Amino acid sequence: MKKISLIKYLLLFIWFSCFLNLLFPVSIFFNYLLIFLVVTHVIEFFVFFNKIKDQRIKNFFLVLIFGYLHLQQLDRINKNSN
């Protein structure tokens, strides 16, 4: 579980760096990284749309930020509740 939280903090740092780069431009790389993150996580949300049953708006934003890590947690929650 510690590994997942470490990865989540790393992802939050990457998102923060990308958005900070919009305010204080440092490198075009961060702009491309931001576009890549947004596009891939939106596609990921729609690919796994059927797995998300409750609170779709909240889960959309969590998938947008954390991607497949959040989907894995949803799978664990669904398996434990069944």
PDB file of N, CA and C in Angstrom:
ATOM      1  N   MET A   1       0.817  -1.193   0.000  1.00  0.00           N
ATOM      2  CA  MET A   1       0.000   0.000   0.000  1.00  0.00           C
ATOM      3  C   MET A   1       0.862   1.258   0.000  1.00  0.00           C
ATOM      4  N   LYS A   2       2.032   1.210   0.624  1.00  0.00           N
ATOM      5  CA  LYS A   2       2.906   2.375   0.638  1.00  0.00           C
ATOM      6  C   LYS A   2       3.385   2.724  -0.762  1.00  0.00           C
ATOM      7  N   LYS A   3       3.601   1.708  -1.579  1.00  0.00           N
ATOM      8  CA  LYS A   3       4.075   1.940  -2.937  1.00  0.00           C
ATOM      9  C   LYS A   3       3.033   2.718  -3.735  1.00  0.00           C
ATOM     10  N   ILE A   4       1.771   2.382  -3.561  1.00  0.00           N
ATOM     11  CA  ILE A   4       0.698   3.072  -4.274  1.00  0.00           C
ATOM     12  C   ILE A   4       0.612   4.521  -3.826  1.00  0.00           C
ATOM     13  N   SER A   5       0.712   4.775  -2.537  1.00  0.00           N
ATOM     14  CA  SER A   5       0.637   6.159  -2.066  1.00  0.00           C
ATOM     15  C   SER A   5       1.848   6.959  -2.537  1.00  0.00           C
ATOM     16  N   LEU A   6       3.010   6.334  -2.627  1.00  0.00           N
ATOM     17  CA  LEU A   6       4.188   7.009  -3.152  1.00  0.00           C
ATOM     18  C   LEU A   6       3.981   7.382  -4.619  1.00  0.00           C
ATOM     19  N   ILE A   7       3.417   6.470  -5.389  1.00  0.00           N
ATOM     20  CA  ILE A   7       3.137   6.747  -6.797  1.00  0.00           C
ATOM     21  C   ILE A   7       2.102   7.858  -6.923  1.00  0.00           C
ATOM     22  N   LYS A   8       1.107   7.860  -6.047  1.00  0.00           N
ATOM     23  CA  LYS A   8       0.099   8.924  -6.079  1.00  0.00           C
ATOM     24  C   LYS A   8       0.720  10.283  -5.793  1.00  0.00           C
ATOM     25  N   TYR A   9       1.598  10.349  -4.806  1.00  0.00           N
ATOM     26  CA  TYR A   9       2.267  11.618  -4.513  1.00  0.00           C
ATOM     27  C   TYR A   9       3.151  12.056  -5.679  1.00  0.00           C
ATOM     28  N   LEU A  10       3.782  11.100  -6.326  1.00  0.00           N
ATOM     29  CA  LEU A  10       4.596  11.415  -7.495  1.00  0.00           C
ATOM     30  C   LEU A  10       3.729  11.968  -8.625  1.00  0.00           C
ATOM     31  N   LEU A  11       2.575  11.353  -8.844  1.00  0.00           N
ATOM     32  CA  LEU A  11       1.657  11.853  -9.870  1.00  0.00           C
ATOM     33  C   LEU A  11       1.149  13.255  -9.535  1.00  0.00           C
ATOM     34  N   LEU A  12       0.821  13.483  -8.273  1.00  0.00           N
ATOM     35  CA  LEU A  12       0.394  14.827  -7.869  1.00  0.00           C
ATOM     36  C   LEU A  12       1.500  15.846  -8.098  1.00  0.00           C
ATOM     37  N   PHE A  13       2.731  15.467  -7.831  1.00  0.00           N
ATOM     38  CA  PHE A  13       3.861  16.357  -8.069  1.00  0.00           C
ATOM     39  C   PHE A  13       4.012  16.660  -9.560  1.00  0.00           C
ATOM     40  N   ILE A  14       3.840  15.652 -10.395  1.00  0.00           N
ATOM     41  CA  ILE A  14       3.937  15.856 -11.844  1.00  0.00           C
ATOM     42  C   ILE A  14       2.836  16.790 -12.326  1.00  0.00           C
ATOM     43  N   TRP A  15       1.590  16.555 -11.868  1.00  0.00           N
ATOM     44  CA  TRP A  15       0.487  17.449 -12.240  1.00  0.00           C
ATOM     45  C   TRP A  15       0.773  18.870 -11.776  1.00  0.00           C
ATOM     46  N   PHE A  16       1.222  19.007 -10.544  1.00  0.00           N
ATOM     47  CA  PHE A  16       1.525  20.328  -9.990  1.00  0.00           C
ATOM     48  C   PHE A  16       2.616  21.021 -10.806  1.00  0.00           C
ATOM     49  N   SER A  17       3.648  20.280 -11.180  1.00  0.00           N
ATOM     50  CA  SER A  17       4.735  20.845 -11.984  1.00  0.00           C
ATOM     51  C   SER A  17       4.233  21.306 -13.347  1.00  0.00           C
ATOM     52  N   CYS A  18       3.362  20.516 -13.943  1.00  0.00           N
ATOM     53  CA  CYS A  18       2.819  20.881 -15.256  1.00  0.00           C
ATOM     54  C   CYS A  18       1.964  22.140 -15.174  1.00  0.00           C
ATOM     55  N   PHE A  19       1.117  22.232 -14.160  1.00  0.00           N
ATOM     56  CA  PHE A  19       0.280  23.425 -14.024  1.00  0.00           C
ATOM     57  C   PHE A  19       1.102  24.643 -13.603  1.00  0.00           C
ATOM     58  N   LEU A  20       2.113  24.424 -12.806  1.00  0.00           N
ATOM     59  CA  LEU A  20       2.994  25.519 -12.434  1.00  0.00           C
ATOM     60  C   LEU A  20       3.746  26.046 -13.656  1.00  0.00           C
ATOM     61  N   ASN A  21       4.068  25.156 -14.567  1.00  0.00           N
ATOM     62  CA  ASN A  21       4.738  25.556 -15.800  1.00  0.00           C
ATOM     63  C   ASN A  21       3.842  26.443 -16.667  1.00  0.00           C
ATOM     64  N   LEU A  22       2.533  26.309 -16.538  1.00  0.00           N
ATOM     65  CA  LEU A  22       1.635  27.197 -17.278  1.00  0.00           C
ATOM     66  C   LEU A  22       1.737  28.631 -16.764  1.00  0.00           C
ATOM     67  N   LEU A  23       1.949  28.786 -15.467  1.00  0.00           N
ATOM     68  CA  LEU A  23       2.066  30.121 -14.879  1.00  0.00           C
ATOM     69  C   LEU A  23       3.462  30.708 -15.042  1.00  0.00           C
ATOM     70  N   PHE A  24       4.461  29.860 -14.856  1.00  0.00           N
ATOM     71  CA  PHE A  24       5.860  30.279 -14.956  1.00  0.00           C
ATOM     72  C   PHE A  24       6.566  29.354 -15.944  1.00  0.00           C
ATOM     73  N   PRO A  25       6.500  29.682 -17.233  1.00  0.00           N
ATOM     74  CA  PRO A  25       7.050  28.774 -18.254  1.00  0.00           C
ATOM     75  C   PRO A  25       8.542  28.491 -18.049  1.00  0.00           C
ATOM     76  N   VAL A  26       8.844  27.230 -17.998  1.00  0.00           N
ATOM     77  CA  VAL A  26      10.221  26.777 -17.846  1.00  0.00           C
ATOM     78  C   VAL A  26      10.629  25.972 -19.069  1.00  0.00           C
ATOM     79  N   SER A  27       9.771  25.020 -19.445  1.00  0.00           N
ATOM     80  CA  SER A  27      10.102  24.131 -20.549  1.00  0.00           C
ATOM     81  C   SER A  27       8.829  23.737 -21.291  1.00  0.00           C
ATOM     82  N   ILE A  28       8.951  23.604 -22.585  1.00  0.00           N
ATOM     83  CA  ILE A  28       7.822  23.163 -23.406  1.00  0.00           C
ATOM     84  C   ILE A  28       7.491  21.697 -23.113  1.00  0.00           C
ATOM     85  N   PHE A  29       8.456  20.967 -22.580  1.00  0.00           N
ATOM     86  CA  PHE A  29       8.250  19.563 -22.230  1.00  0.00           C
ATOM     87  C   PHE A  29       7.075  19.397 -21.272  1.00  0.00           C
ATOM     88  N   PHE A  30       6.971  20.280 -20.277  1.00  0.00           N
ATOM     89  CA  PHE A  30       5.885  20.182 -19.309  1.00  0.00           C
ATOM     90  C   PHE A  30       4.526  20.436 -19.954  1.00  0.00           C
ATOM     91  N   ASN A  31       4.494  21.291 -20.970  1.00  0.00           N
ATOM     92  CA  ASN A  31       3.235  21.518 -21.684  1.00  0.00           C
ATOM     93  C   ASN A  31       2.807  20.259 -22.432  1.00  0.00           C
ATOM     94  N   TYR A  32       3.765  19.626 -23.099  1.00  0.00           N
ATOM     95  CA  TYR A  32       3.449  18.384 -23.800  1.00  0.00           C
ATOM     96  C   TYR A  32       3.077  17.274 -22.820  1.00  0.00           C
ATOM     97  N   LEU A  33       3.743  17.239 -21.693  1.00  0.00           N
ATOM     98  CA  LEU A  33       3.424  16.243 -20.670  1.00  0.00           C
ATOM     99  C   LEU A  33       2.013  16.447 -20.135  1.00  0.00           C
ATOM    100  N   LEU A  34       1.620  17.687 -19.920  1.00  0.00           N
ATOM    101  CA  LEU A  34       0.268  17.994 -19.452  1.00  0.00           C
ATOM    102  C   LEU A  34      -0.774  17.545 -20.471  1.00  0.00           C
ATOM    103  N   ILE A  35      -0.535  17.841 -21.737  1.00  0.00           N
ATOM    104  CA  ILE A  35      -1.466  17.408 -22.788  1.00  0.00           C
ATOM    105  C   ILE A  35      -1.558  15.889 -22.815  1.00  0.00           C
ATOM    106  N   PHE A  36      -0.419  15.225 -22.731  1.00  0.00           N
ATOM    107  CA  PHE A  36      -0.395  13.765 -22.736  1.00  0.00           C
ATOM    108  C   PHE A  36      -1.173  13.195 -21.555  1.00  0.00           C
ATOM    109  N   LEU A  37      -0.961  13.746 -20.362  1.00  0.00           N
ATOM    110  CA  LEU A  37      -1.662  13.255 -19.174  1.00  0.00           C
ATOM    111  C   LEU A  37      -3.169  13.433 -19.290  1.00  0.00           C
ATOM    112  N   VAL A  38      -3.593  14.594 -19.724  1.00  0.00           N
ATOM    113  CA  VAL A  38      -5.030  14.856 -19.836  1.00  0.00           C
ATOM    114  C   VAL A  38      -5.665  13.931 -20.866  1.00  0.00           C
ATOM    115  N   VAL A  39      -5.063  13.833 -22.042  1.00  0.00           N
ATOM    116  CA  VAL A  39      -5.649  13.013 -23.113  1.00  0.00           C
ATOM    117  C   VAL A  39      -5.685  11.542 -22.719  1.00  0.00           C
ATOM    118  N   THR A  40      -4.586  11.020 -22.196  1.00  0.00           N
ATOM    119  CA  THR A  40      -4.569   9.588 -21.858  1.00  0.00           C
ATOM    120  C   THR A  40      -5.531   9.255 -20.728  1.00  0.00           C
ATOM    121  N   HIS A  41      -5.645  10.120 -19.737  1.00  0.00           N
ATOM    122  CA  HIS A  41      -6.539   9.811 -18.624  1.00  0.00           C
ATOM    123  C   HIS A  41      -8.006   9.992 -18.995  1.00  0.00           C
ATOM    124  N   VAL A  42      -8.307  10.904 -19.899  1.00  0.00           N
ATOM    125  CA  VAL A  42      -9.696  11.015 -20.373  1.00  0.00           C
ATOM    126  C   VAL A  42     -10.061   9.783 -21.193  1.00  0.00           C
ATOM    127  N   ILE A  43      -9.154   9.340 -22.053  1.00  0.00           N
ATOM    128  CA  ILE A  43      -9.397   8.110 -22.821  1.00  0.00           C
ATOM    129  C   ILE A  43      -9.564   6.927 -21.872  1.00  0.00           C
ATOM    130  N   GLU A  44      -8.723   6.876 -20.863  1.00  0.00           N
ATOM    131  CA  GLU A  44      -8.795   5.800 -19.869  1.00  0.00           C
ATOM    132  C   GLU A  44     -10.147   5.792 -19.160  1.00  0.00           C
ATOM    133  N   PHE A  45     -10.655   6.962 -18.840  1.00  0.00           N
ATOM    134  CA  PHE A  45     -11.959   7.049 -18.184  1.00  0.00           C
ATOM    135  C   PHE A  45     -13.037   6.453 -19.074  1.00  0.00           C
ATOM    136  N   PHE A  46     -13.038   6.793 -20.354  1.00  0.00           N
ATOM    137  CA  PHE A  46     -14.091   6.294 -21.231  1.00  0.00           C
ATOM    138  C   PHE A  46     -13.923   4.814 -21.563  1.00  0.00           C
ATOM    139  N   VAL A  47     -12.701   4.331 -21.579  1.00  0.00           N
ATOM    140  CA  VAL A  47     -12.479   2.900 -21.812  1.00  0.00           C
ATOM    141  C   VAL A  47     -13.023   2.080 -20.640  1.00  0.00           C
ATOM    142  N   PHE A  48     -12.808   2.565 -19.424  1.00  0.00           N
ATOM    143  CA  PHE A  48     -13.241   1.843 -18.227  1.00  0.00           C
ATOM    144  C   PHE A  48     -14.516   2.426 -17.635  1.00  0.00           C
ATOM    145  N   PHE A  49     -15.311   3.095 -18.446  1.00  0.00           N
ATOM    146  CA  PHE A  49     -16.526   3.773 -17.983  1.00  0.00           C
ATOM    147  C   PHE A  49     -17.494   2.810 -17.305  1.00  0.00           C
ATOM    148  N   ASN A  50     -17.598   1.580 -17.798  1.00  0.00           N
ATOM    149  CA  ASN A  50     -18.548   0.611 -17.234  1.00  0.00           C
ATOM    150  C   ASN A  50     -18.151   0.133 -15.839  1.00  0.00           C
ATOM    151  N   LYS A  51     -16.864   0.221 -15.497  1.00  0.00           N
ATOM    152  CA  LYS A  51     -16.430  -0.185 -14.159  1.00  0.00           C
ATOM    153  C   LYS A  51     -16.842   0.828 -13.102  1.00  0.00           C
ATOM    154  N   ILE A  52     -17.059   2.060 -13.523  1.00  0.00           N
ATOM    155  CA  ILE A  52     -17.397   3.121 -12.577  1.00  0.00           C
ATOM    156  C   ILE A  52     -18.906   3.186 -12.462  1.00  0.00           C
ATOM    157  N   LYS A  53     -19.415   2.803 -11.302  1.00  0.00           N
ATOM    158  CA  LYS A  53     -20.861   2.726 -11.121  1.00  0.00           C
ATOM    159  C   LYS A  53     -21.400   3.868 -10.262  1.00  0.00           C
ATOM    160  N   ASP A  54     -20.689   4.249  -9.235  1.00  0.00           N
ATOM    161  CA  ASP A  54     -21.167   5.265  -8.297  1.00  0.00           C
ATOM    162  C   ASP A  54     -20.330   6.531  -8.414  1.00  0.00           C
ATOM    163  N   GLN A  55     -20.952   7.642  -8.149  1.00  0.00           N
ATOM    164  CA  GLN A  55     -20.284   8.943  -8.086  1.00  0.00           C
ATOM    165  C   GLN A  55     -19.375   9.167  -9.293  1.00  0.00           C
ATOM    166  N   ARG A  56     -19.959   9.187 -10.452  1.00  0.00           N
ATOM    167  CA  ARG A  56     -19.164   9.255 -11.680  1.00  0.00           C
ATOM    168  C   ARG A  56     -18.370  10.544 -11.823  1.00  0.00           C
ATOM    169  N   ILE A  57     -18.903  11.647 -11.365  1.00  0.00           N
ATOM    170  CA  ILE A  57     -18.167  12.908 -11.495  1.00  0.00           C
ATOM    171  C   ILE A  57     -16.923  12.891 -10.608  1.00  0.00           C
ATOM    172  N   LYS A  58     -17.100  12.462  -9.370  1.00  0.00           N
ATOM    173  CA  LYS A  58     -15.959  12.363  -8.450  1.00  0.00           C
ATOM    174  C   LYS A  58     -14.917  11.395  -9.002  1.00  0.00           C
ATOM    175  N   ASN A  59     -15.379  10.238  -9.459  1.00  0.00           N
ATOM    176  CA  ASN A  59     -14.451   9.242  -9.987  1.00  0.00           C
ATOM    177  C   ASN A  59     -13.811   9.693 -11.290  1.00  0.00           C
ATOM    178  N   PHE A  60     -14.511  10.505 -12.081  1.00  0.00           N
ATOM    179  CA  PHE A  60     -13.906  11.045 -13.299  1.00  0.00           C
ATOM    180  C   PHE A  60     -12.678  11.880 -12.945  1.00  0.00           C
ATOM    181  N   PHE A  61     -12.822  12.756 -11.960  1.00  0.00           N
ATOM    182  CA  PHE A  61     -11.694  13.604 -11.585  1.00  0.00           C
ATOM    183  C   PHE A  61     -10.563  12.797 -10.951  1.00  0.00           C
ATOM    184  N   LEU A  62     -10.914  11.778 -10.190  1.00  0.00           N
ATOM    185  CA  LEU A  62      -9.867  10.943  -9.601  1.00  0.00           C
ATOM    186  C   LEU A  62      -9.139  10.125 -10.664  1.00  0.00           C
ATOM    187  N   VAL A  63      -9.867   9.654 -11.679  1.00  0.00           N
ATOM    188  CA  VAL A  63      -9.212   8.952 -12.789  1.00  0.00           C
ATOM    189  C   VAL A  63      -8.375   9.936 -13.591  1.00  0.00           C
ATOM    190  N   LEU A  64      -8.865  11.153 -13.749  1.00  0.00           N
ATOM    191  CA  LEU A  64      -8.103  12.164 -14.473  1.00  0.00           C
ATOM    192  C   LEU A  64      -6.772  12.444 -13.777  1.00  0.00           C
ATOM    193  N   ILE A  65      -6.767  12.430 -12.470  1.00  0.00           N
ATOM    194  CA  ILE A  65      -5.534  12.719 -11.731  1.00  0.00           C
ATOM    195  C   ILE A  65      -4.665  11.476 -11.575  1.00  0.00           C
ATOM    196  N   PHE A  66      -5.261  10.370 -11.127  1.00  0.00           N
ATOM    197  CA  PHE A  66      -4.467   9.192 -10.773  1.00  0.00           C
ATOM    198  C   PHE A  66      -4.506   8.076 -11.809  1.00  0.00           C
ATOM    199  N   GLY A  67      -5.420   8.145 -12.755  1.00  0.00           N
ATOM    200  CA  GLY A  67      -5.460   7.152 -13.817  1.00  0.00           C
ATOM    201  C   GLY A  67      -5.816   5.761 -13.334  1.00  0.00           C
ATOM    202  N   TYR A  68      -5.049   4.795 -13.814  1.00  0.00           N
ATOM    203  CA  TYR A  68      -5.348   3.393 -13.548  1.00  0.00           C
ATOM    204  C   TYR A  68      -5.219   3.039 -12.067  1.00  0.00           C
ATOM    205  N   LEU A  69      -4.427   3.788 -11.325  1.00  0.00           N
ATOM    206  CA  LEU A  69      -4.320   3.515  -9.882  1.00  0.00           C
ATOM    207  C   LEU A  69      -5.673   3.631  -9.204  1.00  0.00           C
ATOM    208  N   HIS A  70      -6.439   4.637  -9.590  1.00  0.00           N
ATOM    209  CA  HIS A  70      -7.770   4.793  -8.999  1.00  0.00           C
ATOM    210  C   HIS A  70      -8.699   3.678  -9.469  1.00  0.00           C
ATOM    211  N   LEU A  71      -8.579   3.277 -10.717  1.00  0.00           N
ATOM    212  CA  LEU A  71      -9.420   2.185 -11.222  1.00  0.00           C
ATOM    213  C   LEU A  71      -9.116   0.878 -10.496  1.00  0.00           C
ATOM    214  N   GLN A  72      -7.860   0.652 -10.153  1.00  0.00           N
ATOM    215  CA  GLN A  72      -7.504  -0.539  -9.383  1.00  0.00           C
ATOM    216  C   GLN A  72      -8.163  -0.511  -8.012  1.00  0.00           C
ATOM    217  N   GLN A  73      -8.190   0.645  -7.382  1.00  0.00           N
ATOM    218  CA  GLN A  73      -8.843   0.753  -6.078  1.00  0.00           C
ATOM    219  C   GLN A  73     -10.340   0.507  -6.200  1.00  0.00           C
ATOM    220  N   LEU A  74     -10.956   0.990  -7.275  1.00  0.00           N
ATOM    221  CA  LEU A  74     -12.381   0.722  -7.485  1.00  0.00           C
ATOM    222  C   LEU A  74     -12.633  -0.769  -7.657  1.00  0.00           C
ATOM    223  N   ASP A  75     -11.730  -1.458  -8.365  1.00  0.00           N
ATOM    224  CA  ASP A  75     -11.865  -2.910  -8.514  1.00  0.00           C
ATOM    225  C   ASP A  75     -11.785  -3.614  -7.165  1.00  0.00           C
ATOM    226  N   ARG A  76     -10.843  -3.196  -6.320  1.00  0.00           N
ATOM    227  CA  ARG A  76     -10.714  -3.806  -4.992  1.00  0.00           C
ATOM    228  C   ARG A  76     -11.957  -3.565  -4.150  1.00  0.00           C
ATOM    229  N   ILE A  77     -12.491  -2.366  -4.222  1.00  0.00           N
ATOM    230  CA  ILE A  77     -13.700  -2.043  -3.458  1.00  0.00           C
ATOM    231  C   ILE A  77     -14.875  -2.873  -3.952  1.00  0.00           C
ATOM    232  N   ASN A  78     -15.015  -3.006  -5.270  1.00  0.00           N
ATOM    233  CA  ASN A  78     -16.117  -3.796  -5.832  1.00  0.00           C
ATOM    234  C   ASN A  78     -15.984  -5.272  -5.488  1.00  0.00           C
ATOM    235  N   LYS A  79     -14.770  -5.806  -5.486  1.00  0.00           N
ATOM    236  CA  LYS A  79     -14.570  -7.214  -5.133  1.00  0.00           C
ATOM    237  C   LYS A  79     -14.862  -7.460  -3.659  1.00  0.00           C
ATOM    238  N   ASN A  80     -14.488  -6.522  -2.809  1.00  0.00           N
ATOM    239  CA  ASN A  80     -14.736  -6.681  -1.372  1.00  0.00           C
ATOM    240  C   ASN A  80     -16.210  -6.555  -1.031  1.00  0.00           C
ATOM    241  N   SER A  81     -16.949  -5.761  -1.786  1.00  0.00           N
ATOM    242  CA  SER A  81     -18.375  -5.589  -1.485  1.00  0.00           C
ATOM    243  C   SER A  81     -19.218  -6.737  -2.029  1.00  0.00           C
ATOM    244  N   ASN A  82     -18.676  -7.508  -2.959  1.00  0.00           N
ATOM    245  CA  ASN A  82     -19.439  -8.646  -3.518  1.00  0.00           C
ATOM    246  C   ASN A  82     -19.262  -9.870  -2.730  1.00  0.00           C
TER     247      ASN A  82
END
